[in-house]
Amino acid sequence: MRLIFRRQTLLLVVFFITTGSLDAGEAIEGRWAADPHYCGGGTSLLIVYAAALRWGDAACAVKRSYRVKDTWHIGASCPVDGAISDVPVRIELRGERLLLEWASAPPQELHRCP
């Protein structure tokens, strides 16, 4: 009985971690930019959808995600140089701002666009 319970719990944990969308993503869904002047477009604009991210020229599908407090850890699948690549993304919500860590790039603070 204990083994069955552990197996069911493990399956639920795996399901929630490997889901292909941002759970409770409404808090981070939308348009974000380093400066409000960039909200109209350009390479400094991040667009967060429930199951996708767009950062500059990269349009990525969210393959897995999990949330710890106000931080989303995302495994995104992005086209890079003609091939699909797994890209780690970390988004930390800070009110109307967020801290974006995209792959190995330095963290960048973004503001919510109106």
N, C-alpha and C. Protein backbone atom coordinates (compact mmCIF):
# COMPACT_ATOMS: atom_id res chain seq x y z
N MET A 1 0.82 -1.19 0.00
CA MET A 1 0.00 0.00 0.00
C MET A 1 0.87 1.26 0.00
N ARG A 2 1.90 1.26 0.81
CA ARG A 2 2.80 2.41 0.89
C ARG A 2 3.52 2.64 -0.44
N LEU A 3 3.92 1.56 -1.11
CA LEU A 3 4.59 1.65 -2.40
C LEU A 3 3.66 2.26 -3.46
N ILE A 4 2.40 1.87 -3.45
CA ILE A 4 1.44 2.41 -4.41
C ILE A 4 1.25 3.91 -4.18
N PHE A 5 1.14 4.32 -2.90
CA PHE A 5 0.98 5.73 -2.59
C PHE A 5 2.19 6.53 -3.07
N ARG A 6 3.38 6.03 -2.82
CA ARG A 6 4.59 6.73 -3.26
C ARG A 6 4.65 6.83 -4.78
N ARG A 7 4.28 5.76 -5.46
CA ARG A 7 4.30 5.77 -6.93
C ARG A 7 3.30 6.81 -7.46
N GLN A 8 2.09 6.88 -6.88
CA GLN A 8 1.10 7.86 -7.33
C GLN A 8 1.59 9.28 -7.05
N THR A 9 2.19 9.48 -5.89
CA THR A 9 2.71 10.80 -5.56
C THR A 9 3.82 11.19 -6.54
N LEU A 10 4.71 10.26 -6.83
CA LEU A 10 5.79 10.53 -7.77
C LEU A 10 5.24 10.87 -9.15
N LEU A 11 4.23 10.15 -9.60
CA LEU A 11 3.64 10.44 -10.91
C LEU A 11 3.01 11.82 -10.94
N LEU A 12 2.36 12.23 -9.86
CA LEU A 12 1.79 13.57 -9.81
C LEU A 12 2.87 14.64 -9.84
N VAL A 13 3.95 14.43 -9.11
CA VAL A 13 5.05 15.39 -9.10
C VAL A 13 5.66 15.50 -10.50
N VAL A 14 5.91 14.37 -11.15
CA VAL A 14 6.47 14.38 -12.50
C VAL A 14 5.51 15.08 -13.46
N PHE A 15 4.21 14.85 -13.33
CA PHE A 15 3.24 15.50 -14.20
C PHE A 15 3.31 17.02 -14.06
N PHE A 16 3.33 17.52 -12.83
CA PHE A 16 3.34 18.97 -12.62
C PHE A 16 4.65 19.60 -13.04
N ILE A 17 5.76 18.89 -12.90
CA ILE A 17 7.05 19.45 -13.30
C ILE A 17 7.20 19.46 -14.81
N THR A 18 6.68 18.45 -15.48
CA THR A 18 6.90 18.33 -16.92
C THR A 18 5.78 18.94 -17.76
N THR A 19 4.84 19.60 -17.14
CA THR A 19 3.77 20.20 -17.91
C THR A 19 4.34 21.21 -18.90
N GLY A 20 3.71 21.34 -20.05
CA GLY A 20 4.22 22.23 -21.09
C GLY A 20 3.64 23.62 -21.04
N SER A 21 3.23 24.09 -19.89
CA SER A 21 2.73 25.45 -19.79
C SER A 21 3.16 26.05 -18.46
N LEU A 22 3.03 27.34 -18.36
CA LEU A 22 3.43 28.03 -17.14
C LEU A 22 2.25 28.05 -16.19
N ASP A 23 2.27 27.22 -15.16
CA ASP A 23 1.21 27.20 -14.18
C ASP A 23 1.12 28.55 -13.50
N ALA A 24 -0.11 28.99 -13.27
CA ALA A 24 -0.36 30.30 -12.67
C ALA A 24 0.39 31.38 -13.44
N GLY A 25 0.48 31.19 -14.75
CA GLY A 25 1.26 32.09 -15.58
C GLY A 25 0.65 33.46 -15.78
N GLU A 26 -0.61 33.63 -15.36
CA GLU A 26 -1.24 34.93 -15.58
C GLU A 26 -0.45 36.06 -14.93
N ALA A 27 0.31 35.76 -13.89
CA ALA A 27 1.10 36.81 -13.23
C ALA A 27 2.27 37.28 -14.10
N ILE A 28 2.78 36.40 -14.95
CA ILE A 28 3.93 36.78 -15.77
C ILE A 28 3.58 36.88 -17.25
N GLU A 29 2.40 36.44 -17.65
CA GLU A 29 2.02 36.55 -19.06
C GLU A 29 1.94 38.01 -19.46
N GLY A 30 2.40 38.30 -20.66
CA GLY A 30 2.34 39.66 -21.17
C GLY A 30 3.64 40.10 -21.80
N ARG A 31 3.77 41.41 -21.96
CA ARG A 31 4.93 41.99 -22.62
C ARG A 31 5.80 42.68 -21.58
N TRP A 32 7.11 42.46 -21.69
CA TRP A 32 8.09 42.99 -20.74
C TRP A 32 9.26 43.58 -21.52
N ALA A 33 9.79 44.70 -21.05
CA ALA A 33 10.92 45.34 -21.74
C ALA A 33 11.87 45.96 -20.72
N ALA A 34 13.13 46.09 -21.11
CA ALA A 34 14.13 46.71 -20.24
C ALA A 34 13.81 48.19 -20.03
N ASP A 35 13.19 48.80 -21.02
CA ASP A 35 12.84 50.21 -20.95
C ASP A 35 11.46 50.36 -21.61
N PRO A 36 10.56 51.17 -21.05
CA PRO A 36 9.22 51.33 -21.65
C PRO A 36 9.24 51.74 -23.12
N HIS A 37 10.32 52.38 -23.58
CA HIS A 37 10.43 52.77 -24.99
C HIS A 37 10.50 51.57 -25.91
N TYR A 38 10.91 50.41 -25.38
CA TYR A 38 11.04 49.20 -26.19
C TYR A 38 9.76 48.37 -26.22
N CYS A 39 8.70 48.83 -25.56
CA CYS A 39 7.46 48.04 -25.51
C CYS A 39 6.81 47.87 -26.88
N GLY A 40 7.16 48.73 -27.82
CA GLY A 40 6.60 48.62 -29.16
C GLY A 40 7.21 47.50 -29.99
N GLY A 41 8.33 46.95 -29.57
CA GLY A 41 8.98 45.87 -30.31
C GLY A 41 10.48 45.98 -30.22
N GLY A 42 11.15 45.06 -30.86
CA GLY A 42 12.61 45.08 -30.87
C GLY A 42 13.19 43.90 -30.11
N THR A 43 14.51 43.88 -30.04
CA THR A 43 15.20 42.74 -29.46
C THR A 43 15.15 42.73 -27.93
N SER A 44 14.77 43.84 -27.31
CA SER A 44 14.72 43.90 -25.85
C SER A 44 13.33 43.62 -25.30
N LEU A 45 12.44 43.10 -26.13
CA LEU A 45 11.07 42.84 -25.72
C LEU A 45 10.89 41.34 -25.46
N LEU A 46 10.39 41.01 -24.28
CA LEU A 46 10.04 39.62 -23.92
C LEU A 46 8.53 39.52 -23.92
N ILE A 47 8.01 38.52 -24.63
CA ILE A 47 6.57 38.26 -24.60
C ILE A 47 6.38 36.87 -24.00
N VAL A 48 5.60 36.80 -22.92
CA VAL A 48 5.36 35.55 -22.22
C VAL A 48 3.93 35.12 -22.47
N TYR A 49 3.77 33.93 -23.04
CA TYR A 49 2.47 33.29 -23.24
C TYR A 49 2.40 32.09 -22.30
N ALA A 50 1.26 31.45 -22.19
CA ALA A 50 1.11 30.29 -21.31
C ALA A 50 2.03 29.14 -21.73
N ALA A 51 2.24 28.96 -23.02
CA ALA A 51 3.03 27.82 -23.48
C ALA A 51 4.16 28.22 -24.42
N ALA A 52 4.52 29.50 -24.42
CA ALA A 52 5.58 29.96 -25.32
C ALA A 52 6.22 31.24 -24.79
N LEU A 53 7.44 31.49 -25.26
CA LEU A 53 8.18 32.70 -24.94
C LEU A 53 8.73 33.28 -26.23
N ARG A 54 8.75 34.59 -26.32
CA ARG A 54 9.40 35.24 -27.46
C ARG A 54 10.33 36.29 -26.90
N TRP A 55 11.62 36.15 -27.21
CA TRP A 55 12.65 37.08 -26.73
C TRP A 55 13.46 37.48 -27.94
N GLY A 56 13.30 38.71 -28.37
CA GLY A 56 13.99 39.15 -29.58
C GLY A 56 13.53 38.34 -30.77
N ASP A 57 14.47 37.71 -31.46
CA ASP A 57 14.15 36.89 -32.63
C ASP A 57 13.80 35.45 -32.27
N ALA A 58 13.99 35.06 -31.02
CA ALA A 58 13.74 33.67 -30.61
C ALA A 58 12.28 33.46 -30.23
N ALA A 59 11.65 32.47 -30.84
CA ALA A 59 10.29 32.06 -30.49
C ALA A 59 10.40 30.64 -29.96
N CYS A 60 10.12 30.46 -28.68
CA CYS A 60 10.38 29.18 -28.02
C CYS A 60 9.11 28.58 -27.43
N ALA A 61 9.03 27.28 -27.45
CA ALA A 61 7.94 26.55 -26.82
C ALA A 61 8.37 26.15 -25.41
N VAL A 62 7.46 26.31 -24.46
CA VAL A 62 7.72 25.87 -23.09
C VAL A 62 7.51 24.36 -23.05
N LYS A 63 8.57 23.63 -22.76
CA LYS A 63 8.48 22.16 -22.69
C LYS A 63 8.21 21.68 -21.27
N ARG A 64 8.78 22.38 -20.30
CA ARG A 64 8.54 22.03 -18.90
C ARG A 64 8.74 23.29 -18.07
N SER A 65 8.05 23.32 -16.94
CA SER A 65 8.21 24.46 -16.05
C SER A 65 7.75 24.08 -14.66
N TYR A 66 8.31 24.77 -13.70
CA TYR A 66 7.82 24.66 -12.34
C TYR A 66 8.07 25.98 -11.64
N ARG A 67 7.30 26.20 -10.60
CA ARG A 67 7.36 27.48 -9.90
C ARG A 67 7.73 27.23 -8.44
N VAL A 68 8.65 28.06 -7.95
CA VAL A 68 9.02 28.07 -6.55
C VAL A 68 8.84 29.51 -6.08
N LYS A 69 7.82 29.74 -5.24
CA LYS A 69 7.45 31.09 -4.79
C LYS A 69 7.18 31.97 -6.00
N ASP A 70 7.96 33.02 -6.22
CA ASP A 70 7.73 33.93 -7.34
C ASP A 70 8.71 33.72 -8.48
N THR A 71 9.29 32.53 -8.57
CA THR A 71 10.28 32.24 -9.61
C THR A 71 9.83 31.05 -10.44
N TRP A 72 9.82 31.23 -11.75
CA TRP A 72 9.51 30.16 -12.69
C TRP A 72 10.81 29.65 -13.28
N HIS A 73 10.97 28.35 -13.27
CA HIS A 73 12.12 27.67 -13.90
C HIS A 73 11.55 26.98 -15.13
N ILE A 74 12.07 27.34 -16.28
CA ILE A 74 11.48 26.92 -17.55
C ILE A 74 12.51 26.21 -18.42
N GLY A 75 12.09 25.12 -19.00
CA GLY A 75 12.87 24.46 -20.03
C GLY A 75 12.20 24.77 -21.36
N ALA A 76 12.82 25.58 -22.17
CA ALA A 76 12.23 26.01 -23.44
C ALA A 76 12.93 25.32 -24.61
N SER A 77 12.19 25.10 -25.66
CA SER A 77 12.72 24.53 -26.89
C SER A 77 12.73 25.63 -27.94
N CYS A 78 13.95 26.02 -28.36
CA CYS A 78 14.11 27.18 -29.23
C CYS A 78 14.93 26.83 -30.48
N PRO A 79 14.58 27.44 -31.61
CA PRO A 79 15.43 27.28 -32.79
C PRO A 79 16.70 28.12 -32.65
N VAL A 80 17.85 27.47 -32.78
CA VAL A 80 19.14 28.16 -32.70
C VAL A 80 19.99 27.69 -33.86
N ASP A 81 20.35 28.60 -34.75
CA ASP A 81 21.19 28.28 -35.91
C ASP A 81 20.64 27.11 -36.72
N GLY A 82 19.35 27.11 -36.96
CA GLY A 82 18.73 26.09 -37.79
C GLY A 82 18.42 24.77 -37.09
N ALA A 83 18.74 24.64 -35.82
CA ALA A 83 18.45 23.43 -35.06
C ALA A 83 17.64 23.81 -33.82
N ILE A 84 16.92 22.85 -33.27
CA ILE A 84 16.15 23.06 -32.05
C ILE A 84 17.06 22.78 -30.86
N SER A 85 17.07 23.70 -29.91
CA SER A 85 17.94 23.58 -28.75
C SER A 85 17.13 23.77 -27.47
N ASP A 86 17.51 23.05 -26.42
CA ASP A 86 16.90 23.25 -25.11
C ASP A 86 17.57 24.45 -24.45
N VAL A 87 16.76 25.38 -23.99
CA VAL A 87 17.27 26.61 -23.39
C VAL A 87 16.69 26.76 -21.99
N PRO A 88 17.55 26.86 -20.97
CA PRO A 88 17.04 27.10 -19.63
C PRO A 88 16.72 28.58 -19.44
N VAL A 89 15.54 28.84 -18.88
CA VAL A 89 15.09 30.20 -18.63
C VAL A 89 14.60 30.28 -17.19
N ARG A 90 14.95 31.36 -16.53
CA ARG A 90 14.48 31.58 -15.16
C ARG A 90 13.87 32.98 -15.12
N ILE A 91 12.64 33.04 -14.62
CA ILE A 91 11.93 34.31 -14.51
C ILE A 91 11.50 34.50 -13.05
N GLU A 92 11.98 35.58 -12.46
CA GLU A 92 11.62 35.90 -11.08
C GLU A 92 10.75 37.16 -11.08
N LEU A 93 9.52 37.03 -10.61
CA LEU A 93 8.59 38.15 -10.58
C LEU A 93 8.88 39.03 -9.37
N ARG A 94 8.95 40.33 -9.62
CA ARG A 94 9.20 41.33 -8.56
C ARG A 94 8.20 42.47 -8.74
N GLY A 95 6.96 42.21 -8.42
CA GLY A 95 5.91 43.22 -8.61
C GLY A 95 5.66 43.45 -10.07
N GLU A 96 5.81 44.69 -10.52
CA GLU A 96 5.63 45.02 -11.94
C GLU A 96 6.94 44.90 -12.71
N ARG A 97 7.92 44.27 -12.13
CA ARG A 97 9.21 44.01 -12.78
C ARG A 97 9.49 42.52 -12.70
N LEU A 98 10.39 42.07 -13.55
CA LEU A 98 10.84 40.69 -13.44
C LEU A 98 12.32 40.63 -13.76
N LEU A 99 12.95 39.62 -13.22
CA LEU A 99 14.36 39.37 -13.49
C LEU A 99 14.41 38.18 -14.44
N LEU A 100 14.99 38.37 -15.60
CA LEU A 100 15.06 37.33 -16.63
C LEU A 100 16.48 36.80 -16.73
N GLU A 101 16.62 35.49 -16.63
CA GLU A 101 17.89 34.83 -16.91
C GLU A 101 17.63 33.88 -18.07
N TRP A 102 18.20 34.19 -19.21
CA TRP A 102 17.99 33.44 -20.45
C TRP A 102 19.29 32.73 -20.79
N ALA A 103 19.29 31.42 -20.69
CA ALA A 103 20.48 30.60 -20.94
C ALA A 103 21.64 31.13 -20.11
N SER A 104 22.76 31.42 -20.74
CA SER A 104 23.94 31.86 -19.99
C SER A 104 24.14 33.38 -20.03
N ALA A 105 23.15 34.10 -20.56
CA ALA A 105 23.25 35.57 -20.62
C ALA A 105 23.13 36.15 -19.21
N PRO A 106 23.72 37.32 -18.98
CA PRO A 106 23.59 37.95 -17.66
C PRO A 106 22.12 38.25 -17.35
N PRO A 107 21.72 38.19 -16.09
CA PRO A 107 20.34 38.52 -15.72
C PRO A 107 19.98 39.93 -16.15
N GLN A 108 18.72 40.10 -16.53
CA GLN A 108 18.26 41.40 -17.00
C GLN A 108 16.93 41.73 -16.32
N GLU A 109 16.80 42.94 -15.78
CA GLU A 109 15.55 43.35 -15.18
C GLU A 109 14.66 43.99 -16.24
N LEU A 110 13.42 43.52 -16.30
CA LEU A 110 12.46 44.01 -17.28
C LEU A 110 11.25 44.60 -16.56
N HIS A 111 10.59 45.54 -17.22
CA HIS A 111 9.39 46.20 -16.69
C HIS A 111 8.19 45.75 -17.51
N ARG A 112 7.04 45.63 -16.84
CA ARG A 112 5.81 45.26 -17.55
C ARG A 112 5.42 46.39 -18.48
N CYS A 113 5.07 46.04 -19.70
CA CYS A 113 4.61 47.03 -20.68
C CYS A 113 3.13 47.33 -20.45
N PRO A 114 2.74 48.57 -20.70
CA PRO A 114 1.32 48.93 -20.52
C PRO A 114 0.44 48.24 -21.56
